[in-house]
Amino acid sequence: MKLITTIIKPFKLEEVREALADIGVQGMTITEVKGFGRQKGHSELYRGAEYNVNFLPKVKIDIAVNDEQVEEIVHVIQHAAFTGKMGDGKIFIFELQHAVRIRTGELNDSAL
C-alpha cells in the first residue's frame, strides 16, 4: 500500500479530481495549504502599496492506494495538474504500513 501526496495549484483541483474519478479512485483527502518552492512567492500591489506574498496558496491531495494503482494515478495527476509553468506542484509517494477501516475493522488493502 502507498500514500500518494500531491501539492497542486488550487484552480487545478477539480480537473485532477475528475481525472482520478474517471480511473476509479473512490476517495481522497483535500487540504488547503500554503507554501513555496522555487517560485519563492511574488509581489503584489494593493491600494498603491507593494507587498510580498511569501507563501502561495496550494491544495494538498492525499490518496491511499494499492501498489498496483500507483503508476496510473501518478500519470493521471501529472497530466491533469500540468500547466507548464513554475509552481505546478509535486507528487510524493510514501509506504503505508497499515490501514484500518474504522466501521468494519477491515485491514490493509481491504480497508482501502
PDB file of N, CA and C in Angstrom:
ATOM      1  N   MET A   1       0.843  -1.179   0.000  1.00  0.00           N
ATOM      2  CA  MET A   1       0.000   0.000   0.000  1.00  0.00           C
ATOM      3  C   MET A   1       0.880   1.231   0.000  1.00  0.00           C
ATOM      4  N   LYS A   2       0.384   2.272  -0.652  1.00  0.00           N
ATOM      5  CA  LYS A   2       1.115   3.528  -0.737  1.00  0.00           C
ATOM      6  C   LYS A   2       0.182   4.686  -0.405  1.00  0.00           C
ATOM      7  N   LEU A   3       0.796   5.775   0.051  1.00  0.00           N
ATOM      8  CA  LEU A   3       0.087   7.038   0.236  1.00  0.00           C
ATOM      9  C   LEU A   3       0.671   8.005  -0.775  1.00  0.00           C
ATOM     10  N   ILE A   4      -0.157   8.479  -1.681  1.00  0.00           N
ATOM     11  CA  ILE A   4       0.267   9.461  -2.674  1.00  0.00           C
ATOM     12  C   ILE A   4      -0.160  10.824  -2.168  1.00  0.00           C
ATOM     13  N   THR A   5       0.806  11.704  -1.956  1.00  0.00           N
ATOM     14  CA  THR A   5       0.542  13.069  -1.518  1.00  0.00           C
ATOM     15  C   THR A   5       0.942  13.995  -2.650  1.00  0.00           C
ATOM     16  N   THR A   6       0.017  14.833  -3.049  1.00  0.00           N
ATOM     17  CA  THR A   6       0.224  15.726  -4.185  1.00  0.00           C
ATOM     18  C   THR A   6      -0.033  17.161  -3.754  1.00  0.00           C
ATOM     19  N   ILE A   7       0.826  18.068  -4.181  1.00  0.00           N
ATOM     20  CA  ILE A   7       0.626  19.502  -3.948  1.00  0.00           C
ATOM     21  C   ILE A   7       0.423  20.140  -5.317  1.00  0.00           C
ATOM     22  N   ILE A   8      -0.727  20.812  -5.517  1.00  0.00           N
ATOM     23  CA  ILE A   8      -1.039  21.410  -6.822  1.00  0.00           C
ATOM     24  C   ILE A   8      -1.591  22.823  -6.658  1.00  0.00           C
ATOM     25  N   LYS A   9      -1.739  23.496  -7.788  1.00  0.00           N
ATOM     26  CA  LYS A   9      -2.381  24.814  -7.801  1.00  0.00           C
ATOM     27  C   LYS A   9      -3.879  24.638  -7.546  1.00  0.00           C
ATOM     28  N   PRO A  10      -4.475  25.519  -6.750  1.00  0.00           N
ATOM     29  CA  PRO A  10      -5.893  25.351  -6.385  1.00  0.00           C
ATOM     30  C   PRO A  10      -6.853  25.265  -7.571  1.00  0.00           C
ATOM     31  N   PHE A  11      -6.609  26.019  -8.627  1.00  0.00           N
ATOM     32  CA  PHE A  11      -7.562  26.017  -9.744  1.00  0.00           C
ATOM     33  C   PHE A  11      -7.525  24.719 -10.535  1.00  0.00           C
ATOM     34  N   LYS A  12      -6.549  23.852 -10.272  1.00  0.00           N
ATOM     35  CA  LYS A  12      -6.448  22.558 -10.953  1.00  0.00           C
ATOM     36  C   LYS A  12      -7.133  21.433 -10.179  1.00  0.00           C
ATOM     37  N   LEU A  13      -7.633  21.716  -8.987  1.00  0.00           N
ATOM     38  CA  LEU A  13      -8.211  20.678  -8.130  1.00  0.00           C
ATOM     39  C   LEU A  13      -9.357  19.927  -8.810  1.00  0.00           C
ATOM     40  N   GLU A  14     -10.312  20.622  -9.352  1.00  0.00           N
ATOM     41  CA  GLU A  14     -11.477  19.956  -9.939  1.00  0.00           C
ATOM     42  C   GLU A  14     -11.078  19.097 -11.140  1.00  0.00           C
ATOM     43  N   GLU A  15     -10.152  19.575 -11.943  1.00  0.00           N
ATOM     44  CA  GLU A  15      -9.682  18.802 -13.096  1.00  0.00           C
ATOM     45  C   GLU A  15      -8.982  17.516 -12.639  1.00  0.00           C
ATOM     46  N   VAL A  16      -8.172  17.612 -11.596  1.00  0.00           N
ATOM     47  CA  VAL A  16      -7.494  16.437 -11.052  1.00  0.00           C
ATOM     48  C   VAL A  16      -8.507  15.482 -10.440  1.00  0.00           C
ATOM     49  N   ARG A  17      -9.453  16.001  -9.679  1.00  0.00           N
ATOM     50  CA  ARG A  17     -10.477  15.151  -9.059  1.00  0.00           C
ATOM     51  C   ARG A  17     -11.266  14.376 -10.105  1.00  0.00           C
ATOM     52  N   GLU A  18     -11.681  15.066 -11.174  1.00  0.00           N
ATOM     53  CA  GLU A  18     -12.450  14.402 -12.230  1.00  0.00           C
ATOM     54  C   GLU A  18     -11.622  13.334 -12.935  1.00  0.00           C
ATOM     55  N   ALA A  19     -10.361  13.625 -13.210  1.00  0.00           N
ATOM     56  CA  ALA A  19      -9.488  12.660 -13.879  1.00  0.00           C
ATOM     57  C   ALA A  19      -9.288  11.420 -13.012  1.00  0.00           C
ATOM     58  N   LEU A  20      -9.134  11.616 -11.696  1.00  0.00           N
ATOM     59  CA  LEU A  20      -8.975  10.484 -10.797  1.00  0.00           C
ATOM     60  C   LEU A  20     -10.273   9.675 -10.679  1.00  0.00           C
ATOM     61  N   ALA A  21     -11.402  10.350 -10.653  1.00  0.00           N
ATOM     62  CA  ALA A  21     -12.688   9.653 -10.604  1.00  0.00           C
ATOM     63  C   ALA A  21     -12.885   8.811 -11.868  1.00  0.00           C
ATOM     64  N   ASP A  22     -12.434   9.311 -13.013  1.00  0.00           N
ATOM     65  CA  ASP A  22     -12.567   8.585 -14.277  1.00  0.00           C
ATOM     66  C   ASP A  22     -11.808   7.264 -14.283  1.00  0.00           C
ATOM     67  N   ILE A  23     -10.734   7.148 -13.483  1.00  0.00           N
ATOM     68  CA  ILE A  23      -9.990   5.883 -13.430  1.00  0.00           C
ATOM     69  C   ILE A  23     -10.362   5.052 -12.197  1.00  0.00           C
ATOM     70  N   GLY A  24     -11.406   5.480 -11.480  1.00  0.00           N
ATOM     71  CA  GLY A  24     -11.937   4.670 -10.395  1.00  0.00           C
ATOM     72  C   GLY A  24     -11.433   4.978  -8.998  1.00  0.00           C
ATOM     73  N   VAL A  25     -10.726   6.079  -8.815  1.00  0.00           N
ATOM     74  CA  VAL A  25     -10.300   6.460  -7.466  1.00  0.00           C
ATOM     75  C   VAL A  25     -11.545   6.878  -6.694  1.00  0.00           C
ATOM     76  N   GLN A  26     -11.792   6.202  -5.563  1.00  0.00           N
ATOM     77  CA  GLN A  26     -13.041   6.410  -4.837  1.00  0.00           C
ATOM     78  C   GLN A  26     -12.941   7.372  -3.675  1.00  0.00           C
ATOM     79  N   GLY A  27     -11.740   7.682  -3.221  1.00  0.00           N
ATOM     80  CA  GLY A  27     -11.643   8.571  -2.081  1.00  0.00           C
ATOM     81  C   GLY A  27     -10.323   9.307  -2.043  1.00  0.00           C
ATOM     82  N   MET A  28     -10.355  10.482  -1.466  1.00  0.00           N
ATOM     83  CA  MET A  28      -9.155  11.292  -1.295  1.00  0.00           C
ATOM     84  C   MET A  28      -9.430  12.307  -0.204  1.00  0.00           C
ATOM     85  N   THR A  29      -8.369  12.846   0.351  1.00  0.00           N
ATOM     86  CA  THR A  29      -8.483  13.900   1.352  1.00  0.00           C
ATOM     87  C   THR A  29      -7.833  15.147   0.779  1.00  0.00           C
ATOM     88  N   ILE A  30      -8.544  16.262   0.861  1.00  0.00           N
ATOM     89  CA  ILE A  30      -8.072  17.532   0.316  1.00  0.00           C
ATOM     90  C   ILE A  30      -7.819  18.504   1.471  1.00  0.00           C
ATOM     91  N   THR A  31      -6.672  19.172   1.417  1.00  0.00           N
ATOM     92  CA  THR A  31      -6.337  20.167   2.427  1.00  0.00           C
ATOM     93  C   THR A  31      -5.861  21.432   1.726  1.00  0.00           C
ATOM     94  N   GLU A  32      -6.366  22.592   2.140  1.00  0.00           N
ATOM     95  CA  GLU A  32      -5.847  23.852   1.625  1.00  0.00           C
ATOM     96  C   GLU A  32      -4.596  24.187   2.413  1.00  0.00           C
ATOM     97  N   VAL A  33      -3.497  24.399   1.696  1.00  0.00           N
ATOM     98  CA  VAL A  33      -2.214  24.672   2.348  1.00  0.00           C
ATOM     99  C   VAL A  33      -1.567  25.900   1.721  1.00  0.00           C
ATOM    100  N   LYS A  34      -0.505  26.370   2.331  1.00  0.00           N
ATOM    101  CA  LYS A  34       0.295  27.456   1.766  1.00  0.00           C
ATOM    102  C   LYS A  34       1.746  27.024   1.786  1.00  0.00           C
ATOM    103  N   GLY A  35       2.503  27.463   0.801  1.00  0.00           N
ATOM    104  CA  GLY A  35       3.904  27.106   0.776  1.00  0.00           C
ATOM    105  C   GLY A  35       4.611  27.769  -0.381  1.00  0.00           C
ATOM    106  N   PHE A  36       5.879  27.407  -0.540  1.00  0.00           N
ATOM    107  CA  PHE A  36       6.633  27.904  -1.679  1.00  0.00           C
ATOM    108  C   PHE A  36       7.725  26.907  -2.011  1.00  0.00           C
ATOM    109  N   GLY A  37       8.144  26.949  -3.241  1.00  0.00           N
ATOM    110  CA  GLY A  37       9.266  26.151  -3.717  1.00  0.00           C
ATOM    111  C   GLY A  37      10.194  27.084  -4.449  1.00  0.00           C
ATOM    112  N   ARG A  38      10.508  26.736  -5.669  1.00  0.00           N
ATOM    113  CA  ARG A  38      11.395  27.579  -6.462  1.00  0.00           C
ATOM    114  C   ARG A  38      10.752  28.915  -6.818  1.00  0.00           C
ATOM    115  N   GLN A  39       9.420  28.985  -6.763  1.00  0.00           N
ATOM    116  CA  GLN A  39       8.724  30.243  -7.058  1.00  0.00           C
ATOM    117  C   GLN A  39       9.114  31.340  -6.080  1.00  0.00           C
ATOM    118  N   LYS A  40       9.285  30.974  -4.830  1.00  0.00           N
ATOM    119  CA  LYS A  40       9.649  31.893  -3.759  1.00  0.00           C
ATOM    120  C   LYS A  40       8.672  33.053  -3.587  1.00  0.00           C
ATOM    121  N   GLY A  41       7.390  32.826  -3.833  1.00  0.00           N
ATOM    122  CA  GLY A  41       6.402  33.884  -3.658  1.00  0.00           C
ATOM    123  C   GLY A  41       6.440  34.898  -4.782  1.00  0.00           C
ATOM    124  N   HIS A  42       5.768  36.008  -4.571  1.00  0.00           N
ATOM    125  CA  HIS A  42       5.735  37.065  -5.575  1.00  0.00           C
ATOM    126  C   HIS A  42       5.308  38.374  -4.911  1.00  0.00           C
ATOM    127  N   SER A  43       5.421  39.467  -5.656  1.00  0.00           N
ATOM    128  CA  SER A  43       4.999  40.781  -5.165  1.00  0.00           C
ATOM    129  C   SER A  43       3.629  41.121  -5.731  1.00  0.00           C
ATOM    130  N   GLU A  44       2.813  41.786  -4.930  1.00  0.00           N
ATOM    131  CA  GLU A  44       1.507  42.249  -5.366  1.00  0.00           C
ATOM    132  C   GLU A  44       1.350  43.713  -5.005  1.00  0.00           C
ATOM    133  N   LEU A  45       0.446  44.364  -5.716  1.00  0.00           N
ATOM    134  CA  LEU A  45       0.159  45.767  -5.474  1.00  0.00           C
ATOM    135  C   LEU A  45      -1.245  45.869  -4.889  1.00  0.00           C
ATOM    136  N   TYR A  46      -1.379  46.533  -3.717  1.00  0.00           N
ATOM    137  CA  TYR A  46      -2.676  46.704  -3.089  1.00  0.00           C
ATOM    138  C   TYR A  46      -2.794  48.150  -2.648  1.00  0.00           C
ATOM    139  N   ARG A  47      -3.768  48.861  -3.207  1.00  0.00           N
ATOM    140  CA  ARG A  47      -4.001  50.271  -2.895  1.00  0.00           C
ATOM    141  C   ARG A  47      -2.726  51.098  -3.006  1.00  0.00           C
ATOM    142  N   GLY A  48      -1.980  50.814  -4.052  1.00  0.00           N
ATOM    143  CA  GLY A  48      -0.776  51.592  -4.328  1.00  0.00           C
ATOM    144  C   GLY A  48       0.459  51.163  -3.577  1.00  0.00           C
ATOM    145  N   ALA A  49       0.319  50.214  -2.666  1.00  0.00           N
ATOM    146  CA  ALA A  49       1.475  49.749  -1.896  1.00  0.00           C
ATOM    147  C   ALA A  49       1.862  48.350  -2.362  1.00  0.00           C
ATOM    148  N   GLU A  50       3.134  48.159  -2.580  1.00  0.00           N
ATOM    149  CA  GLU A  50       3.619  46.847  -2.983  1.00  0.00           C
ATOM    150  C   GLU A  50       3.957  46.031  -1.743  1.00  0.00           C
ATOM    151  N   TYR A  51       3.581  44.744  -1.760  1.00  0.00           N
ATOM    152  CA  TYR A  51       3.936  43.862  -0.650  1.00  0.00           C
ATOM    153  C   TYR A  51       4.267  42.477  -1.196  1.00  0.00           C
ATOM    154  N   ASN A  52       5.041  41.750  -0.428  1.00  0.00           N
ATOM    155  CA  ASN A  52       5.473  40.417  -0.846  1.00  0.00           C
ATOM    156  C   ASN A  52       4.546  39.351  -0.283  1.00  0.00           C
ATOM    157  N   VAL A  53       4.188  38.392  -1.148  1.00  0.00           N
ATOM    158  CA  VAL A  53       3.440  37.218  -0.738  1.00  0.00           C
ATOM    159  C   VAL A  53       4.447  36.072  -0.724  1.00  0.00           C
ATOM    160  N   ASN A  54       4.869  35.652   0.474  1.00  0.00           N
ATOM    161  CA  ASN A  54       5.911  34.640   0.590  1.00  0.00           C
ATOM    162  C   ASN A  54       5.383  33.211   0.511  1.00  0.00           C
ATOM    163  N   PHE A  55       4.154  32.997   0.948  1.00  0.00           N
ATOM    164  CA  PHE A  55       3.558  31.672   0.897  1.00  0.00           C
ATOM    165  C   PHE A  55       2.379  31.708  -0.056  1.00  0.00           C
ATOM    166  N   LEU A  56       2.420  30.839  -1.059  1.00  0.00           N
ATOM    167  CA  LEU A  56       1.376  30.807  -2.075  1.00  0.00           C
ATOM    168  C   LEU A  56       0.322  29.762  -1.725  1.00  0.00           C
ATOM    169  N   PRO A  57      -0.953  30.035  -2.053  1.00  0.00           N
ATOM    170  CA  PRO A  57      -1.993  29.047  -1.776  1.00  0.00           C
ATOM    171  C   PRO A  57      -1.829  27.825  -2.681  1.00  0.00           C
ATOM    172  N   LYS A  58      -1.938  26.657  -2.081  1.00  0.00           N
ATOM    173  CA  LYS A  58      -1.849  25.384  -2.792  1.00  0.00           C
ATOM    174  C   LYS A  58      -2.913  24.455  -2.241  1.00  0.00           C
ATOM    175  N   VAL A  59      -3.100  23.323  -2.904  1.00  0.00           N
ATOM    176  CA  VAL A  59      -4.011  22.290  -2.427  1.00  0.00           C
ATOM    177  C   VAL A  59      -3.212  21.003  -2.287  1.00  0.00           C
ATOM    178  N   LYS A  60      -3.397  20.323  -1.157  1.00  0.00           N
ATOM    179  CA  LYS A  60      -2.731  19.040  -0.916  1.00  0.00           C
ATOM    180  C   LYS A  60      -3.771  17.936  -1.027  1.00  0.00           C
ATOM    181  N   ILE A  61      -3.454  16.925  -1.825  1.00  0.00           N
ATOM    182  CA  ILE A  61      -4.343  15.777  -2.022  1.00  0.00           C
ATOM    183  C   ILE A  61      -3.632  14.543  -1.474  1.00  0.00           C
ATOM    184  N   ASP A  62      -4.299  13.798  -0.595  1.00  0.00           N
ATOM    185  CA  ASP A  62      -3.774  12.537  -0.081  1.00  0.00           C
ATOM    186  C   ASP A  62      -4.670  11.407  -0.563  1.00  0.00           C
ATOM    187  N   ILE A  63      -4.045  10.366  -1.145  1.00  0.00           N
ATOM    188  CA  ILE A  63      -4.785   9.217  -1.651  1.00  0.00           C
ATOM    189  C   ILE A  63      -4.060   7.949  -1.201  1.00  0.00           C
ATOM    190  N   ALA A  64      -4.746   7.066  -0.487  1.00  0.00           N
ATOM    191  CA  ALA A  64      -4.192   5.772  -0.114  1.00  0.00           C
ATOM    192  C   ALA A  64      -4.612   4.761  -1.176  1.00  0.00           C
ATOM    193  N   VAL A  65      -3.620   4.033  -1.737  1.00  0.00           N
ATOM    194  CA  VAL A  65      -3.904   3.139  -2.865  1.00  0.00           C
ATOM    195  C   VAL A  65      -3.148   1.824  -2.734  1.00  0.00           C
ATOM    196  N   ASN A  66      -3.610   0.836  -3.492  1.00  0.00           N
ATOM    197  CA  ASN A  66      -2.880  -0.417  -3.636  1.00  0.00           C
ATOM    198  C   ASN A  66      -1.647  -0.165  -4.493  1.00  0.00           C
ATOM    199  N   ASP A  67      -0.613  -0.974  -4.300  1.00  0.00           N
ATOM    200  CA  ASP A  67       0.638  -0.798  -5.040  1.00  0.00           C
ATOM    201  C   ASP A  67       0.429  -0.797  -6.552  1.00  0.00           C
ATOM    202  N   GLU A  68      -0.512  -1.614  -7.043  1.00  0.00           N
ATOM    203  CA  GLU A  68      -0.735  -1.743  -8.482  1.00  0.00           C
ATOM    204  C   GLU A  68      -1.284  -0.461  -9.119  1.00  0.00           C
ATOM    205  N   GLN A  69      -1.889   0.410  -8.345  1.00  0.00           N
ATOM    206  CA  GLN A  69      -2.528   1.610  -8.872  1.00  0.00           C
ATOM    207  C   GLN A  69      -1.594   2.817  -8.945  1.00  0.00           C
ATOM    208  N   VAL A  70      -0.440   2.746  -8.319  1.00  0.00           N
ATOM    209  CA  VAL A  70       0.413   3.921  -8.133  1.00  0.00           C
ATOM    210  C   VAL A  70       0.807   4.569  -9.455  1.00  0.00           C
ATOM    211  N   GLU A  71       1.355   3.808 -10.390  1.00  0.00           N
ATOM    212  CA  GLU A  71       1.847   4.389 -11.640  1.00  0.00           C
ATOM    213  C   GLU A  71       0.741   5.093 -12.419  1.00  0.00           C
ATOM    214  N   GLU A  72      -0.428   4.458 -12.526  1.00  0.00           N
ATOM    215  CA  GLU A  72      -1.536   5.057 -13.275  1.00  0.00           C
ATOM    216  C   GLU A  72      -2.007   6.351 -12.619  1.00  0.00           C
ATOM    217  N   ILE A  73      -2.125   6.334 -11.297  1.00  0.00           N
ATOM    218  CA  ILE A  73      -2.593   7.523 -10.578  1.00  0.00           C
ATOM    219  C   ILE A  73      -1.594   8.665 -10.715  1.00  0.00           C
ATOM    220  N   VAL A  74      -0.303   8.384 -10.583  1.00  0.00           N
ATOM    221  CA  VAL A  74       0.715   9.417 -10.737  1.00  0.00           C
ATOM    222  C   VAL A  74       0.660  10.015 -12.140  1.00  0.00           C
ATOM    223  N   HIS A  75       0.515   9.156 -13.149  1.00  0.00           N
ATOM    224  CA  HIS A  75       0.423   9.641 -14.536  1.00  0.00           C
ATOM    225  C   HIS A  75      -0.794  10.550 -14.727  1.00  0.00           C
ATOM    226  N   VAL A  76      -1.935  10.146 -14.189  1.00  0.00           N
ATOM    227  CA  VAL A  76      -3.164  10.936 -14.326  1.00  0.00           C
ATOM    228  C   VAL A  76      -3.021  12.288 -13.635  1.00  0.00           C
ATOM    229  N   ILE A  77      -2.440  12.304 -12.440  1.00  0.00           N
ATOM    230  CA  ILE A  77      -2.254  13.567 -11.716  1.00  0.00           C
ATOM    231  C   ILE A  77      -1.311  14.485 -12.489  1.00  0.00           C
ATOM    232  N   GLN A  78      -0.197  13.930 -12.978  1.00  0.00           N
ATOM    233  CA  GLN A  78       0.759  14.741 -13.742  1.00  0.00           C
ATOM    234  C   GLN A  78       0.076  15.400 -14.936  1.00  0.00           C
ATOM    235  N   HIS A  79      -0.712  14.636 -15.642  1.00  0.00           N
ATOM    236  CA  HIS A  79      -1.384  15.161 -16.840  1.00  0.00           C
ATOM    237  C   HIS A  79      -2.438  16.216 -16.479  1.00  0.00           C
ATOM    238  N   ALA A  80      -3.255  15.939 -15.458  1.00  0.00           N
ATOM    239  CA  ALA A  80      -4.361  16.835 -15.117  1.00  0.00           C
ATOM    240  C   ALA A  80      -3.886  18.123 -14.439  1.00  0.00           C
ATOM    241  N   ALA A  81      -2.780  18.078 -13.692  1.00  0.00           N
ATOM    242  CA  ALA A  81      -2.307  19.255 -12.950  1.00  0.00           C
ATOM    243  C   ALA A  81      -1.334  20.109 -13.762  1.00  0.00           C
ATOM    244  N   PHE A  82      -0.937  19.652 -14.927  1.00  0.00           N
ATOM    245  CA  PHE A  82       0.090  20.321 -15.722  1.00  0.00           C
ATOM    246  C   PHE A  82      -0.398  21.651 -16.315  1.00  0.00           C
ATOM    247  N   THR A  83       0.398  22.714 -16.112  1.00  0.00           N
ATOM    248  CA  THR A  83       0.166  23.987 -16.804  1.00  0.00           C
ATOM    249  C   THR A  83       1.403  24.381 -17.602  1.00  0.00           C
ATOM    250  N   GLY A  84       2.537  23.781 -17.271  1.00  0.00           N
ATOM    251  CA  GLY A  84       3.787  24.120 -17.930  1.00  0.00           C
ATOM    252  C   GLY A  84       4.498  25.305 -17.306  1.00  0.00           C
ATOM    253  N   LYS A  85       3.940  25.821 -16.227  1.00  0.00           N
ATOM    254  CA  LYS A  85       4.536  26.976 -15.553  1.00  0.00           C
ATOM    255  C   LYS A  85       5.095  26.554 -14.199  1.00  0.00           C
ATOM    256  N   MET A  86       6.031  27.333 -13.703  1.00  0.00           N
ATOM    257  CA  MET A  86       6.606  27.073 -12.398  1.00  0.00           C
ATOM    258  C   MET A  86       5.498  27.051 -11.347  1.00  0.00           C
ATOM    259  N   GLY A  87       5.605  26.116 -10.409  1.00  0.00           N
ATOM    260  CA  GLY A  87       4.603  26.033  -9.348  1.00  0.00           C
ATOM    261  C   GLY A  87       3.517  25.021  -9.615  1.00  0.00           C
ATOM    262  N   ASP A  88       3.656  24.189 -10.672  1.00  0.00           N
ATOM    263  CA  ASP A  88       2.639  23.167 -10.949  1.00  0.00           C
ATOM    264  C   ASP A  88       2.476  22.193  -9.797  1.00  0.00           C
ATOM    265  N   GLY A  89       3.537  21.941  -9.044  1.00  0.00           N
ATOM    266  CA  GLY A  89       3.404  21.115  -7.854  1.00  0.00           C
ATOM    267  C   GLY A  89       4.364  19.960  -7.801  1.00  0.00           C
ATOM    268  N   LYS A  90       4.101  19.074  -6.853  1.00  0.00           N
ATOM    269  CA  LYS A  90       4.931  17.900  -6.608  1.00  0.00           C
ATOM    270  C   LYS A  90       4.039  16.717  -6.256  1.00  0.00           C
ATOM    271  N   ILE A  91       4.582  15.522  -6.478  1.00  0.00           N
ATOM    272  CA  ILE A  91       3.919  14.283  -6.070  1.00  0.00           C
ATOM    273  C   ILE A  91       4.915  13.514  -5.208  1.00  0.00           C
ATOM    274  N   PHE A  92       4.471  13.095  -4.024  1.00  0.00           N
ATOM    275  CA  PHE A  92       5.292  12.307  -3.115  1.00  0.00           C
ATOM    276  C   PHE A  92       4.598  10.970  -2.879  1.00  0.00           C
ATOM    277  N   ILE A  93       5.373   9.900  -2.809  1.00  0.00           N
ATOM    278  CA  ILE A  93       4.805   8.572  -2.596  1.00  0.00           C
ATOM    279  C   ILE A  93       5.456   7.974  -1.352  1.00  0.00           C
ATOM    280  N   PHE A  94       4.614   7.583  -0.386  1.00  0.00           N
ATOM    281  CA  PHE A  94       5.072   7.017   0.877  1.00  0.00           C
ATOM    282  C   PHE A  94       4.568   5.586   1.021  1.00  0.00           C
ATOM    283  N   GLU A  95       5.348   4.770   1.695  1.00  0.00           N
ATOM    284  CA  GLU A  95       4.921   3.405   2.023  1.00  0.00           C
ATOM    285  C   GLU A  95       3.941   3.481   3.192  1.00  0.00           C
ATOM    286  N   LEU A  96       2.816   2.770   3.080  1.00  0.00           N
ATOM    287  CA  LEU A  96       1.850   2.679   4.181  1.00  0.00           C
ATOM    288  C   LEU A  96       2.050   1.346   4.896  1.00  0.00           C
ATOM    289  N   GLN A  97       2.192   1.369   6.191  1.00  0.00           N
ATOM    290  CA  GLN A  97       2.396   0.147   6.963  1.00  0.00           C
ATOM    291  C   GLN A  97       1.084  -0.599   7.202  1.00  0.00           C
ATOM    292  N   HIS A  98       0.056   0.140   7.628  1.00  0.00           N
ATOM    293  CA  HIS A  98      -1.233  -0.480   7.949  1.00  0.00           C
ATOM    294  C   HIS A  98      -2.349   0.500   7.638  1.00  0.00           C
ATOM    295  N   ALA A  99      -3.510  -0.062   7.344  1.00  0.00           N
ATOM    296  CA  ALA A  99      -4.728   0.737   7.195  1.00  0.00           C
ATOM    297  C   ALA A  99      -5.862  -0.040   7.868  1.00  0.00           C
ATOM    298  N   VAL A 100      -6.738   0.672   8.542  1.00  0.00           N
ATOM    299  CA  VAL A 100      -7.873   0.042   9.222  1.00  0.00           C
ATOM    300  C   VAL A 100      -9.132   0.842   8.897  1.00  0.00           C
ATOM    301  N   ARG A 101     -10.150   0.147   8.404  1.00  0.00           N
ATOM    302  CA  ARG A 101     -11.453   0.796   8.212  1.00  0.00           C
ATOM    303  C   ARG A 101     -12.155   0.766   9.563  1.00  0.00           C
ATOM    304  N   ILE A 102     -12.408   1.919  10.131  1.00  0.00           N
ATOM    305  CA  ILE A 102     -12.953   2.013  11.487  1.00  0.00           C
ATOM    306  C   ILE A 102     -14.299   1.310  11.606  1.00  0.00           C
ATOM    307  N   ARG A 103     -15.186   1.507  10.642  1.00  0.00           N
ATOM    308  CA  ARG A 103     -16.548   0.966  10.725  1.00  0.00           C
ATOM    309  C   ARG A 103     -16.576  -0.558  10.765  1.00  0.00           C
ATOM    310  N   THR A 104     -15.746  -1.222   9.936  1.00  0.00           N
ATOM    311  CA  THR A 104     -15.829  -2.682   9.812  1.00  0.00           C
ATOM    312  C   THR A 104     -14.642  -3.428  10.410  1.00  0.00           C
ATOM    313  N   GLY A 105     -13.565  -2.728  10.668  1.00  0.00           N
ATOM    314  CA  GLY A 105     -12.374  -3.387  11.172  1.00  0.00           C
ATOM    315  C   GLY A 105     -11.522  -4.023  10.086  1.00  0.00           C
ATOM    316  N   GLU A 106     -11.895  -3.824   8.798  1.00  0.00           N
ATOM    317  CA  GLU A 106     -11.110  -4.385   7.704  1.00  0.00           C
ATOM    318  C   GLU A 106      -9.689  -3.815   7.759  1.00  0.00           C
ATOM    319  N   LEU A 107      -8.730  -4.627   7.321  1.00  0.00           N
ATOM    320  CA  LEU A 107      -7.340  -4.239   7.406  1.00  0.00           C
ATOM    321  C   LEU A 107      -6.684  -4.101   6.023  1.00  0.00           C
ATOM    322  N   ASN A 108      -5.721  -3.209   5.959  1.00  0.00           N
ATOM    323  CA  ASN A 108      -4.813  -3.023   4.831  1.00  0.00           C
ATOM    324  C   ASN A 108      -5.543  -2.844   3.500  1.00  0.00           C
ATOM    325  N   ASP A 109      -5.225  -3.653   2.466  1.00  0.00           N
ATOM    326  CA  ASP A 109      -5.835  -3.452   1.144  1.00  0.00           C
ATOM    327  C   ASP A 109      -7.358  -3.487   1.197  1.00  0.00           C
ATOM    328  N   SER A 110      -7.931  -4.317   2.045  1.00  0.00           N
ATOM    329  CA  SER A 110      -9.394  -4.386   2.170  1.00  0.00           C
ATOM    330  C   SER A 110      -9.977  -3.104   2.744  1.00  0.00           C
ATOM    331  N   ALA A 111      -9.177  -2.384   3.530  1.00  0.00           N
ATOM    332  CA  ALA A 111      -9.646  -1.147   4.152  1.00  0.00           C
ATOM    333  C   ALA A 111      -9.652   0.009   3.176  1.00  0.00           C
ATOM    334  N   LEU A 112      -8.914  -0.114   2.085  1.00  0.00           N
ATOM    335  CA  LEU A 112      -8.854   0.989   1.126  1.00  0.00           C
ATOM    336  C   LEU A 112     -10.099   0.973   0.275  1.00  0.00           C
TER     337      LEU A 112
END
